Amino acid sequence: SRLHLAAWAGHANAVKLLCEAKSPVNAAAMDDMSALHFACQKGHLQAVKELLGGGASINSHSRKGLTPLHCAVQGNHKDLATYLVRRGSNLSAKNKAGKTPGDLA
């Protein structure tokens, strides 16, 4: 979707506009990943803030069981991971391999 592409590319202003236009923020793309997963993979903190402000689920799971926090940790985006934890991300969520975000750090 346009929202997924904007999140992946880190275009926070486009993400904000799409959220305001009521784009489905929790819609799944490949591997059941949300736009929030995409933004977290790439380390786009401002896009993440816009998505969460637009109602994105901070603890959603992909087909592989990854949460946005797993994605941020895998990408070594420490500031983003810290932000997600402060916003209430589940530290004990396990992916399909049984790994928590802390296990991946």
PDB file of N, CA and C in Angstrom:
ATOM      1  N   SER A   1       0.839  -1.191   0.000  1.00  0.00           N
ATOM      2  CA  SER A   1       0.000   0.000   0.000  1.00  0.00           C
ATOM      3  C   SER A   1       0.879   1.248   0.000  1.00  0.00           C
ATOM      4  N   ARG A   2       0.263   2.362  -0.251  1.00  0.00           N
ATOM      5  CA  ARG A   2       1.013   3.623  -0.220  1.00  0.00           C
ATOM      6  C   ARG A   2       1.591   3.873   1.169  1.00  0.00           C
ATOM      7  N   LEU A   3       0.829   3.497   2.196  1.00  0.00           N
ATOM      8  CA  LEU A   3       1.308   3.703   3.564  1.00  0.00           C
ATOM      9  C   LEU A   3       2.542   2.848   3.845  1.00  0.00           C
ATOM     10  N   HIS A   4       2.522   1.604   3.410  1.00  0.00           N
ATOM     11  CA  HIS A   4       3.686   0.730   3.597  1.00  0.00           C
ATOM     12  C   HIS A   4       4.918   1.312   2.893  1.00  0.00           C
ATOM     13  N   LEU A   5       4.721   1.785   1.671  1.00  0.00           N
ATOM     14  CA  LEU A   5       5.845   2.349   0.914  1.00  0.00           C
ATOM     15  C   LEU A   5       6.390   3.608   1.577  1.00  0.00           C
ATOM     16  N   ALA A   6       5.502   4.468   2.046  1.00  0.00           N
ATOM     17  CA  ALA A   6       5.944   5.694   2.720  1.00  0.00           C
ATOM     18  C   ALA A   6       6.691   5.365   4.009  1.00  0.00           C
ATOM     19  N   ALA A   7       6.196   4.383   4.753  1.00  0.00           N
ATOM     20  CA  ALA A   7       6.854   3.975   6.001  1.00  0.00           C
ATOM     21  C   ALA A   7       8.229   3.385   5.708  1.00  0.00           C
ATOM     22  N   TRP A   8       8.317   2.518   4.712  1.00  0.00           N
ATOM     23  CA  TRP A   8       9.578   1.881   4.325  1.00  0.00           C
ATOM     24  C   TRP A   8      10.618   2.928   3.928  1.00  0.00           C
ATOM     25  N   ALA A   9      10.162   3.953   3.198  1.00  0.00           N
ATOM     26  CA  ALA A   9      11.074   4.983   2.706  1.00  0.00           C
ATOM     27  C   ALA A   9      11.363   6.061   3.750  1.00  0.00           C
ATOM     28  N   GLY A  10      10.621   6.057   4.847  1.00  0.00           N
ATOM     29  CA  GLY A  10      10.857   7.045   5.896  1.00  0.00           C
ATOM     30  C   GLY A  10      10.265   8.408   5.614  1.00  0.00           C
ATOM     31  N   HIS A  11       9.262   8.464   4.758  1.00  0.00           N
ATOM     32  CA  HIS A  11       8.602   9.728   4.432  1.00  0.00           C
ATOM     33  C   HIS A  11       7.536  10.028   5.482  1.00  0.00           C
ATOM     34  N   ALA A  12       7.982  10.594   6.605  1.00  0.00           N
ATOM     35  CA  ALA A  12       7.095  10.816   7.752  1.00  0.00           C
ATOM     36  C   ALA A  12       5.925  11.731   7.413  1.00  0.00           C
ATOM     37  N   ASN A  13       6.150  12.752   6.584  1.00  0.00           N
ATOM     38  CA  ASN A  13       5.049  13.646   6.218  1.00  0.00           C
ATOM     39  C   ASN A  13       3.984  12.905   5.422  1.00  0.00           C
ATOM     40  N   ALA A  14       4.404  12.043   4.503  1.00  0.00           N
ATOM     41  CA  ALA A  14       3.445  11.246   3.734  1.00  0.00           C
ATOM     42  C   ALA A  14       2.710  10.274   4.648  1.00  0.00           C
ATOM     43  N   VAL A  15       3.428   9.675   5.588  1.00  0.00           N
ATOM     44  CA  VAL A  15       2.797   8.771   6.554  1.00  0.00           C
ATOM     45  C   VAL A  15       1.732   9.524   7.341  1.00  0.00           C
ATOM     46  N   LYS A  16       2.070  10.721   7.781  1.00  0.00           N
ATOM     47  CA  LYS A  16       1.116  11.532   8.549  1.00  0.00           C
ATOM     48  C   LYS A  16      -0.135  11.824   7.727  1.00  0.00           C
ATOM     49  N   LEU A  17       0.055  12.250   6.484  1.00  0.00           N
ATOM     50  CA  LEU A  17      -1.088  12.560   5.618  1.00  0.00           C
ATOM     51  C   LEU A  17      -1.950  11.327   5.365  1.00  0.00           C
ATOM     52  N   LEU A  18      -1.328  10.194   5.141  1.00  0.00           N
ATOM     53  CA  LEU A  18      -2.080   8.963   4.896  1.00  0.00           C
ATOM     54  C   LEU A  18      -2.835   8.519   6.140  1.00  0.00           C
ATOM     55  N   CYS A  19      -2.225   8.686   7.299  1.00  0.00           N
ATOM     56  CA  CYS A  19      -2.920   8.361   8.553  1.00  0.00           C
ATOM     57  C   CYS A  19      -4.119   9.287   8.749  1.00  0.00           C
ATOM     58  N   GLU A  20      -3.925  10.571   8.470  1.00  0.00           N
ATOM     59  CA  GLU A  20      -5.022  11.533   8.596  1.00  0.00           C
ATOM     60  C   GLU A  20      -6.143  11.238   7.607  1.00  0.00           C
ATOM     61  N   ALA A  21      -5.792  10.650   6.456  1.00  0.00           N
ATOM     62  CA  ALA A  21      -6.782  10.284   5.441  1.00  0.00           C
ATOM     63  C   ALA A  21      -7.419   8.929   5.743  1.00  0.00           C
ATOM     64  N   LYS A  22      -7.146   8.414   6.923  1.00  0.00           N
ATOM     65  CA  LYS A  22      -7.741   7.160   7.408  1.00  0.00           C
ATOM     66  C   LYS A  22      -7.283   5.928   6.631  1.00  0.00           C
ATOM     67  N   SER A  23      -6.038   5.935   6.167  1.00  0.00           N
ATOM     68  CA  SER A  23      -5.476   4.708   5.595  1.00  0.00           C
ATOM     69  C   SER A  23      -5.449   3.655   6.692  1.00  0.00           C
ATOM     70  N   PRO A  24      -5.713   2.396   6.353  1.00  0.00           N
ATOM     71  CA  PRO A  24      -5.710   1.346   7.381  1.00  0.00           C
ATOM     72  C   PRO A  24      -4.293   1.087   7.901  1.00  0.00           C
ATOM     73  N   VAL A  25      -3.983   1.649   9.068  1.00  0.00           N
ATOM     74  CA  VAL A  25      -2.612   1.618   9.583  1.00  0.00           C
ATOM     75  C   VAL A  25      -2.148   0.228   9.993  1.00  0.00           C
ATOM     76  N   ASN A  26      -3.068  -0.675  10.264  1.00  0.00           N
ATOM     77  CA  ASN A  26      -2.671  -2.024  10.683  1.00  0.00           C
ATOM     78  C   ASN A  26      -2.821  -3.057   9.570  1.00  0.00           C
ATOM     79  N   ALA A  27      -3.050  -2.593   8.350  1.00  0.00           N
ATOM     80  CA  ALA A  27      -3.180  -3.516   7.223  1.00  0.00           C
ATOM     81  C   ALA A  27      -1.865  -4.267   7.024  1.00  0.00           C
ATOM     82  N   ALA A  28      -1.988  -5.513   6.608  1.00  0.00           N
ATOM     83  CA  ALA A  28      -0.813  -6.361   6.417  1.00  0.00           C
ATOM     84  C   ALA A  28      -0.354  -6.346   4.963  1.00  0.00           C
ATOM     85  N   ALA A  29       0.943  -6.399   4.786  1.00  0.00           N
ATOM     86  CA  ALA A  29       1.543  -6.546   3.458  1.00  0.00           C
ATOM     87  C   ALA A  29       2.218  -7.920   3.435  1.00  0.00           C
ATOM     88  N   MET A  30       3.360  -8.020   2.803  1.00  0.00           N
ATOM     89  CA  MET A  30       4.051  -9.307   2.717  1.00  0.00           C
ATOM     90  C   MET A  30       4.390  -9.838   4.107  1.00  0.00           C
ATOM     91  N   ASP A  31       4.267 -11.123   4.268  1.00  0.00           N
ATOM     92  CA  ASP A  31       4.539 -11.799   5.544  1.00  0.00           C
ATOM     93  C   ASP A  31       3.727 -11.221   6.698  1.00  0.00           C
ATOM     94  N   ASP A  32       2.565 -10.658   6.376  1.00  0.00           N
ATOM     95  CA  ASP A  32       1.674 -10.066   7.385  1.00  0.00           C
ATOM     96  C   ASP A  32       2.344  -8.935   8.153  1.00  0.00           C
ATOM     97  N   MET A  33       3.228  -8.220   7.499  1.00  0.00           N
ATOM     98  CA  MET A  33       3.911  -7.098   8.151  1.00  0.00           C
ATOM     99  C   MET A  33       3.128  -5.814   7.927  1.00  0.00           C
ATOM    100  N   SER A  34       3.014  -5.035   8.988  1.00  0.00           N
ATOM    101  CA  SER A  34       2.330  -3.747   8.917  1.00  0.00           C
ATOM    102  C   SER A  34       3.309  -2.659   8.484  1.00  0.00           C
ATOM    103  N   ALA A  35       2.769  -1.486   8.222  1.00  0.00           N
ATOM    104  CA  ALA A  35       3.625  -0.340   7.901  1.00  0.00           C
ATOM    105  C   ALA A  35       4.570  -0.044   9.064  1.00  0.00           C
ATOM    106  N   LEU A  36       4.095  -0.288  10.290  1.00  0.00           N
ATOM    107  CA  LEU A  36       4.949  -0.071  11.464  1.00  0.00           C
ATOM    108  C   LEU A  36       6.146  -1.020  11.452  1.00  0.00           C
ATOM    109  N   HIS A  37       5.939  -2.273  11.086  1.00  0.00           N
ATOM    110  CA  HIS A  37       7.058  -3.213  10.954  1.00  0.00           C
ATOM    111  C   HIS A  37       8.086  -2.670   9.952  1.00  0.00           C
ATOM    112  N   PHE A  38       7.584  -2.185   8.801  1.00  0.00           N
ATOM    113  CA  PHE A  38       8.483  -1.677   7.762  1.00  0.00           C
ATOM    114  C   PHE A  38       9.305  -0.499   8.275  1.00  0.00           C
ATOM    115  N   ALA A  39       8.646   0.457   8.916  1.00  0.00           N
ATOM    116  CA  ALA A  39       9.350   1.634   9.431  1.00  0.00           C
ATOM    117  C   ALA A  39      10.381   1.234  10.484  1.00  0.00           C
ATOM    118  N   CYS A  40      10.038   0.251  11.309  1.00  0.00           N
ATOM    119  CA  CYS A  40      10.969  -0.202  12.351  1.00  0.00           C
ATOM    120  C   CYS A  40      12.167  -0.925  11.755  1.00  0.00           C
ATOM    121  N   GLN A  41      11.948  -1.715  10.714  1.00  0.00           N
ATOM    122  CA  GLN A  41      13.062  -2.395  10.046  1.00  0.00           C
ATOM    123  C   GLN A  41      14.092  -1.397   9.540  1.00  0.00           C
ATOM    124  N   LYS A  42      13.598  -0.291   9.008  1.00  0.00           N
ATOM    125  CA  LYS A  42      14.483   0.699   8.399  1.00  0.00           C
ATOM    126  C   LYS A  42      14.970   1.763   9.377  1.00  0.00           C
ATOM    127  N   GLY A  43      14.420   1.774  10.603  1.00  0.00           N
ATOM    128  CA  GLY A  43      14.883   2.716  11.611  1.00  0.00           C
ATOM    129  C   GLY A  43      14.336   4.124  11.475  1.00  0.00           C
ATOM    130  N   HIS A  44      13.156   4.265  10.899  1.00  0.00           N
ATOM    131  CA  HIS A  44      12.560   5.581  10.661  1.00  0.00           C
ATOM    132  C   HIS A  44      11.702   6.013  11.850  1.00  0.00           C
ATOM    133  N   LEU A  45      12.346   6.622  12.833  1.00  0.00           N
ATOM    134  CA  LEU A  45      11.685   6.986  14.084  1.00  0.00           C
ATOM    135  C   LEU A  45      10.504   7.931  13.881  1.00  0.00           C
ATOM    136  N   GLN A  46      10.656   8.955  13.070  1.00  0.00           N
ATOM    137  CA  GLN A  46       9.554   9.910  12.895  1.00  0.00           C
ATOM    138  C   GLN A  46       8.354   9.243  12.227  1.00  0.00           C
ATOM    139  N   ALA A  47       8.597   8.364  11.266  1.00  0.00           N
ATOM    140  CA  ALA A  47       7.496   7.624  10.635  1.00  0.00           C
ATOM    141  C   ALA A  47       6.810   6.728  11.661  1.00  0.00           C
ATOM    142  N   VAL A  48       7.588   6.114  12.541  1.00  0.00           N
ATOM    143  CA  VAL A  48       7.031   5.277  13.610  1.00  0.00           C
ATOM    144  C   VAL A  48       6.130   6.115  14.509  1.00  0.00           C
ATOM    145  N   LYS A  49       6.590   7.300  14.879  1.00  0.00           N
ATOM    146  CA  LYS A  49       5.782   8.179  15.732  1.00  0.00           C
ATOM    147  C   LYS A  49       4.462   8.530  15.058  1.00  0.00           C
ATOM    148  N   GLU A  50       4.500   8.819  13.767  1.00  0.00           N
ATOM    149  CA  GLU A  50       3.271   9.153  13.033  1.00  0.00           C
ATOM    150  C   GLU A  50       2.329   7.950  12.977  1.00  0.00           C
ATOM    151  N   LEU A  51       2.873   6.770  12.747  1.00  0.00           N
ATOM    152  CA  LEU A  51       2.046   5.560  12.681  1.00  0.00           C
ATOM    153  C   LEU A  51       1.391   5.263  14.021  1.00  0.00           C
ATOM    154  N   LEU A  52       2.155   5.370  15.090  1.00  0.00           N
ATOM    155  CA  LEU A  52       1.581   5.125  16.419  1.00  0.00           C
ATOM    156  C   LEU A  52       0.525   6.179  16.747  1.00  0.00           C
ATOM    157  N   GLY A  53       0.782   7.417  16.358  1.00  0.00           N
ATOM    158  CA  GLY A  53      -0.204   8.473  16.548  1.00  0.00           C
ATOM    159  C   GLY A  53      -1.468   8.236  15.744  1.00  0.00           C
ATOM    160  N   GLY A  54      -1.325   7.522  14.636  1.00  0.00           N
ATOM    161  CA  GLY A  54      -2.463   7.194  13.779  1.00  0.00           C
ATOM    162  C   GLY A  54      -3.178   5.922  14.170  1.00  0.00           C
ATOM    163  N   GLY A  55      -2.729   5.291  15.264  1.00  0.00           N
ATOM    164  CA  GLY A  55      -3.423   4.112  15.770  1.00  0.00           C
ATOM    165  C   GLY A  55      -2.793   2.772  15.451  1.00  0.00           C
ATOM    166  N   ALA A  56      -1.567   2.763  14.956  1.00  0.00           N
ATOM    167  CA  ALA A  56      -0.904   1.487  14.662  1.00  0.00           C
ATOM    168  C   ALA A  56      -0.701   0.687  15.943  1.00  0.00           C
ATOM    169  N   SER A  57      -0.808  -0.622  15.819  1.00  0.00           N
ATOM    170  CA  SER A  57      -0.649  -1.524  16.960  1.00  0.00           C
ATOM    171  C   SER A  57       0.832  -1.782  17.222  1.00  0.00           C
ATOM    172  N   ILE A  58       1.286  -1.375  18.395  1.00  0.00           N
ATOM    173  CA  ILE A  58       2.705  -1.482  18.741  1.00  0.00           C
ATOM    174  C   ILE A  58       3.146  -2.930  18.938  1.00  0.00           C
ATOM    175  N   ASN A  59       2.217  -3.828  19.213  1.00  0.00           N
ATOM    176  CA  ASN A  59       2.566  -5.227  19.479  1.00  0.00           C
ATOM    177  C   ASN A  59       2.017  -6.190  18.433  1.00  0.00           C
ATOM    178  N   SER A  60       1.768  -5.698  17.218  1.00  0.00           N
ATOM    179  CA  SER A  60       1.277  -6.589  16.167  1.00  0.00           C
ATOM    180  C   SER A  60       2.364  -7.599  15.799  1.00  0.00           C
ATOM    181  N   HIS A  61       1.933  -8.755  15.299  1.00  0.00           N
ATOM    182  CA  HIS A  61       2.862  -9.829  14.927  1.00  0.00           C
ATOM    183  C   HIS A  61       2.800 -10.094  13.428  1.00  0.00           C
ATOM    184  N   SER A  62       3.949 -10.313  12.829  1.00  0.00           N
ATOM    185  CA  SER A  62       4.015 -10.726  11.430  1.00  0.00           C
ATOM    186  C   SER A  62       3.794 -12.237  11.356  1.00  0.00           C
ATOM    187  N   ARG A  63       3.776 -12.763  10.155  1.00  0.00           N
ATOM    188  CA  ARG A  63       3.619 -14.206   9.962  1.00  0.00           C
ATOM    189  C   ARG A  63       4.726 -14.982  10.681  1.00  0.00           C
ATOM    190  N   LYS A  64       5.902 -14.391  10.796  1.00  0.00           N
ATOM    191  CA  LYS A  64       7.025 -15.036  11.483  1.00  0.00           C
ATOM    192  C   LYS A  64       7.037 -14.738  12.977  1.00  0.00           C
ATOM    193  N   GLY A  65       5.992 -14.049  13.448  1.00  0.00           N
ATOM    194  CA  GLY A  65       5.888 -13.748  14.869  1.00  0.00           C
ATOM    195  C   GLY A  65       6.668 -12.524  15.307  1.00  0.00           C
ATOM    196  N   LEU A  66       7.168 -11.762  14.353  1.00  0.00           N
ATOM    197  CA  LEU A  66       7.956 -10.574  14.688  1.00  0.00           C
ATOM    198  C   LEU A  66       7.051  -9.412  15.074  1.00  0.00           C
ATOM    199  N   THR A  67       7.411  -8.733  16.145  1.00  0.00           N
ATOM    200  CA  THR A  67       6.752  -7.487  16.512  1.00  0.00           C
ATOM    201  C   THR A  67       7.576  -6.334  15.941  1.00  0.00           C
ATOM    202  N   PRO A  68       7.039  -5.132  15.936  1.00  0.00           N
ATOM    203  CA  PRO A  68       7.859  -3.992  15.514  1.00  0.00           C
ATOM    204  C   PRO A  68       9.158  -3.874  16.321  1.00  0.00           C
ATOM    205  N   LEU A  69       9.105  -4.220  17.610  1.00  0.00           N
ATOM    206  CA  LEU A  69      10.325  -4.167  18.427  1.00  0.00           C
ATOM    207  C   LEU A  69      11.356  -5.178  17.939  1.00  0.00           C
ATOM    208  N   HIS A  70      10.939  -6.386  17.587  1.00  0.00           N
ATOM    209  CA  HIS A  70      11.871  -7.361  17.005  1.00  0.00           C
ATOM    210  C   HIS A  70      12.568  -6.741  15.784  1.00  0.00           C
ATOM    211  N   CYS A  71      11.773  -6.086  14.924  1.00  0.00           N
ATOM    212  CA  CYS A  71      12.320  -5.498  13.696  1.00  0.00           C
ATOM    213  C   CYS A  71      13.336  -4.405  14.005  1.00  0.00           C
ATOM    214  N   ALA A  72      13.031  -3.557  14.975  1.00  0.00           N
ATOM    215  CA  ALA A  72      13.955  -2.483  15.347  1.00  0.00           C
ATOM    216  C   ALA A  72      15.254  -3.050  15.905  1.00  0.00           C
ATOM    217  N   VAL A  73      15.143  -4.067  16.748  1.00  0.00           N
ATOM    218  CA  VAL A  73      16.330  -4.682  17.350  1.00  0.00           C
ATOM    219  C   VAL A  73      17.169  -5.370  16.278  1.00  0.00           C
ATOM    220  N   GLN A  74      16.517  -6.109  15.373  1.00  0.00           N
ATOM    221  CA  GLN A  74      17.257  -6.788  14.306  1.00  0.00           C
ATOM    222  C   GLN A  74      18.021  -5.799  13.432  1.00  0.00           C
ATOM    223  N   GLY A  75      17.451  -4.618  13.244  1.00  0.00           N
ATOM    224  CA  GLY A  75      18.107  -3.594  12.439  1.00  0.00           C
ATOM    225  C   GLY A  75      19.119  -2.770  13.211  1.00  0.00           C
ATOM    226  N   ASN A  76      19.310  -3.099  14.489  1.00  0.00           N
ATOM    227  CA  ASN A  76      20.254  -2.390  15.361  1.00  0.00           C
ATOM    228  C   ASN A  76      19.897  -0.904  15.512  1.00  0.00           C
ATOM    229  N   HIS A  77      18.596  -0.633  15.557  1.00  0.00           N
ATOM    230  CA  HIS A  77      18.104   0.734  15.717  1.00  0.00           C
ATOM    231  C   HIS A  77      17.790   0.965  17.195  1.00  0.00           C
ATOM    232  N   LYS A  78      18.842   1.254  17.960  1.00  0.00           N
ATOM    233  CA  LYS A  78      18.732   1.313  19.423  1.00  0.00           C
ATOM    234  C   LYS A  78      17.804   2.420  19.913  1.00  0.00           C
ATOM    235  N   ASP A  79      17.899   3.608  19.338  1.00  0.00           N
ATOM    236  CA  ASP A  79      17.028   4.708  19.767  1.00  0.00           C
ATOM    237  C   ASP A  79      15.566   4.369  19.507  1.00  0.00           C
ATOM    238  N   LEU A  80      15.313   3.764  18.374  1.00  0.00           N
ATOM    239  CA  LEU A  80      13.949   3.371  18.028  1.00  0.00           C
ATOM    240  C   LEU A  80      13.448   2.281  18.969  1.00  0.00           C
ATOM    241  N   ALA A  81      14.288   1.298  19.255  1.00  0.00           N
ATOM    242  CA  ALA A  81      13.902   0.228  20.182  1.00  0.00           C
ATOM    243  C   ALA A  81      13.584   0.805  21.560  1.00  0.00           C
ATOM    244  N   THR A  82      14.404   1.728  22.021  1.00  0.00           N
ATOM    245  CA  THR A  82      14.155   2.375  23.313  1.00  0.00           C
ATOM    246  C   THR A  82      12.821   3.110  23.294  1.00  0.00           C
ATOM    247  N   TYR A  83      12.544   3.813  22.219  1.00  0.00           N
ATOM    248  CA  TYR A  83      11.273   4.528  22.077  1.00  0.00           C
ATOM    249  C   TYR A  83      10.090   3.557  22.145  1.00  0.00           C
ATOM    250  N   LEU A  84      10.191   2.445  21.432  1.00  0.00           N
ATOM    251  CA  LEU A  84       9.103   1.460  21.432  1.00  0.00           C
ATOM    252  C   LEU A  84       8.868   0.886  22.826  1.00  0.00           C
ATOM    253  N   VAL A  85       9.939   0.610  23.541  1.00  0.00           N
ATOM    254  CA  VAL A  85       9.811   0.081  24.905  1.00  0.00           C
ATOM    255  C   VAL A  85       9.120   1.110  25.791  1.00  0.00           C
ATOM    256  N   ARG A  86       9.520   2.353  25.669  1.00  0.00           N
ATOM    257  CA  ARG A  86       8.889   3.414  26.477  1.00  0.00           C
ATOM    258  C   ARG A  86       7.414   3.585  26.134  1.00  0.00           C
ATOM    259  N   ARG A  87       7.046   3.265  24.898  1.00  0.00           N
ATOM    260  CA  ARG A  87       5.648   3.374  24.472  1.00  0.00           C
ATOM    261  C   ARG A  87       4.827   2.128  24.818  1.00  0.00           C
ATOM    262  N   GLY A  88       5.469   1.116  25.413  1.00  0.00           N
ATOM    263  CA  GLY A  88       4.731  -0.050  25.874  1.00  0.00           C
ATOM    264  C   GLY A  88       4.891  -1.314  25.058  1.00  0.00           C
ATOM    265  N   SER A  89       5.906  -1.378  24.233  1.00  0.00           N
ATOM    266  CA  SER A  89       6.145  -2.590  23.453  1.00  0.00           C
ATOM    267  C   SER A  89       6.424  -3.766  24.382  1.00  0.00           C
ATOM    268  N   ASN A  90       5.919  -4.924  24.016  1.00  0.00           N
ATOM    269  CA  ASN A  90       6.036  -6.131  24.832  1.00  0.00           C
ATOM    270  C   ASN A  90       7.439  -6.731  24.703  1.00  0.00           C
ATOM    271  N   LEU A  91       8.206  -6.643  25.774  1.00  0.00           N
ATOM    272  CA  LEU A  91       9.577  -7.166  25.774  1.00  0.00           C
ATOM    273  C   LEU A  91       9.626  -8.687  25.768  1.00  0.00           C
ATOM    274  N   SER A  92       8.557  -9.344  26.206  1.00  0.00           N
ATOM    275  CA  SER A  92       8.587 -10.804  26.263  1.00  0.00           C
ATOM    276  C   SER A  92       7.876 -11.480  25.099  1.00  0.00           C
ATOM    277  N   ALA A  93       7.480 -10.707  24.092  1.00  0.00           N
ATOM    278  CA  ALA A  93       6.856 -11.306  22.908  1.00  0.00           C
ATOM    279  C   ALA A  93       7.876 -12.198  22.206  1.00  0.00           C
ATOM    280  N   LYS A  94       7.433 -13.390  21.816  1.00  0.00           N
ATOM    281  CA  LYS A  94       8.332 -14.335  21.145  1.00  0.00           C
ATOM    282  C   LYS A  94       7.947 -14.488  19.682  1.00  0.00           C
ATOM    283  N   ASN A  95       8.964 -14.576  18.842  1.00  0.00           N
ATOM    284  CA  ASN A  95       8.711 -14.851  17.436  1.00  0.00           C
ATOM    285  C   ASN A  95       8.502 -16.353  17.253  1.00  0.00           C
ATOM    286  N   LYS A  96       8.293 -16.793  16.020  1.00  0.00           N
ATOM    287  CA  LYS A  96       8.021 -18.218  15.760  1.00  0.00           C
ATOM    288  C   LYS A  96       9.192 -19.111  16.162  1.00  0.00           C
ATOM    289  N   ALA A  97      10.386 -18.545  16.251  1.00  0.00           N
ATOM    290  CA  ALA A  97      11.567 -19.301  16.678  1.00  0.00           C
ATOM    291  C   ALA A  97      11.729 -19.280  18.194  1.00  0.00           C
ATOM    292  N   GLY A  98      10.778 -18.648  18.895  1.00  0.00           N
ATOM    293  CA  GLY A  98      10.833 -18.599  20.352  1.00  0.00           C
ATOM    294  C   GLY A  98      11.746 -17.525  20.912  1.00  0.00           C
ATOM    295  N   LYS A  99      12.136 -16.570  20.083  1.00  0.00           N
ATOM    296  CA  LYS A  99      13.073 -15.520  20.502  1.00  0.00           C
ATOM    297  C   LYS A  99      12.329 -14.235  20.867  1.00  0.00           C
ATOM    298  N   THR A 100      12.730 -13.632  21.984  1.00  0.00           N
ATOM    299  CA  THR A 100      12.220 -12.320  22.368  1.00  0.00           C
ATOM    300  C   THR A 100      13.087 -11.248  21.705  1.00  0.00           C
ATOM    301  N   PRO A 101      12.643  -9.996  21.705  1.00  0.00           N
ATOM    302  CA  PRO A 101      13.510  -8.943  21.173  1.00  0.00           C
ATOM    303  C   PRO A 101      14.871  -8.900  21.877  1.00  0.00           C
ATOM    304  N   GLY A 102      14.886  -9.134  23.178  1.00  0.00           N
ATOM    305  CA  GLY A 102      16.147  -9.147  23.919  1.00  0.00           C
ATOM    306  C   GLY A 102      17.090 -10.242  23.459  1.00  0.00           C
ATOM    307  N   ASP A 103      16.525 -11.383  23.055  1.00  0.00           N
ATOM    308  CA  ASP A 103      17.355 -12.478  22.544  1.00  0.00           C
ATOM    309  C   ASP A 103      18.054 -12.088  21.243  1.00  0.00           C
ATOM    310  N   LEU A 104      17.447 -11.180  20.499  1.00  0.00           N
ATOM    311  CA  LEU A 104      17.995 -10.780  19.200  1.00  0.00           C
ATOM    312  C   LEU A 104      18.974  -9.616  19.304  1.00  0.00           C
ATOM    313  N   ALA A 105      19.049  -9.011  20.487  1.00  0.00           N
ATOM    314  CA  ALA A 105      19.911  -7.823  20.663  1.00  0.00           C
ATOM    315  C   ALA A 105      21.378  -8.199  20.657  1.00  0.00           C
TER     316      ALA A 105
END
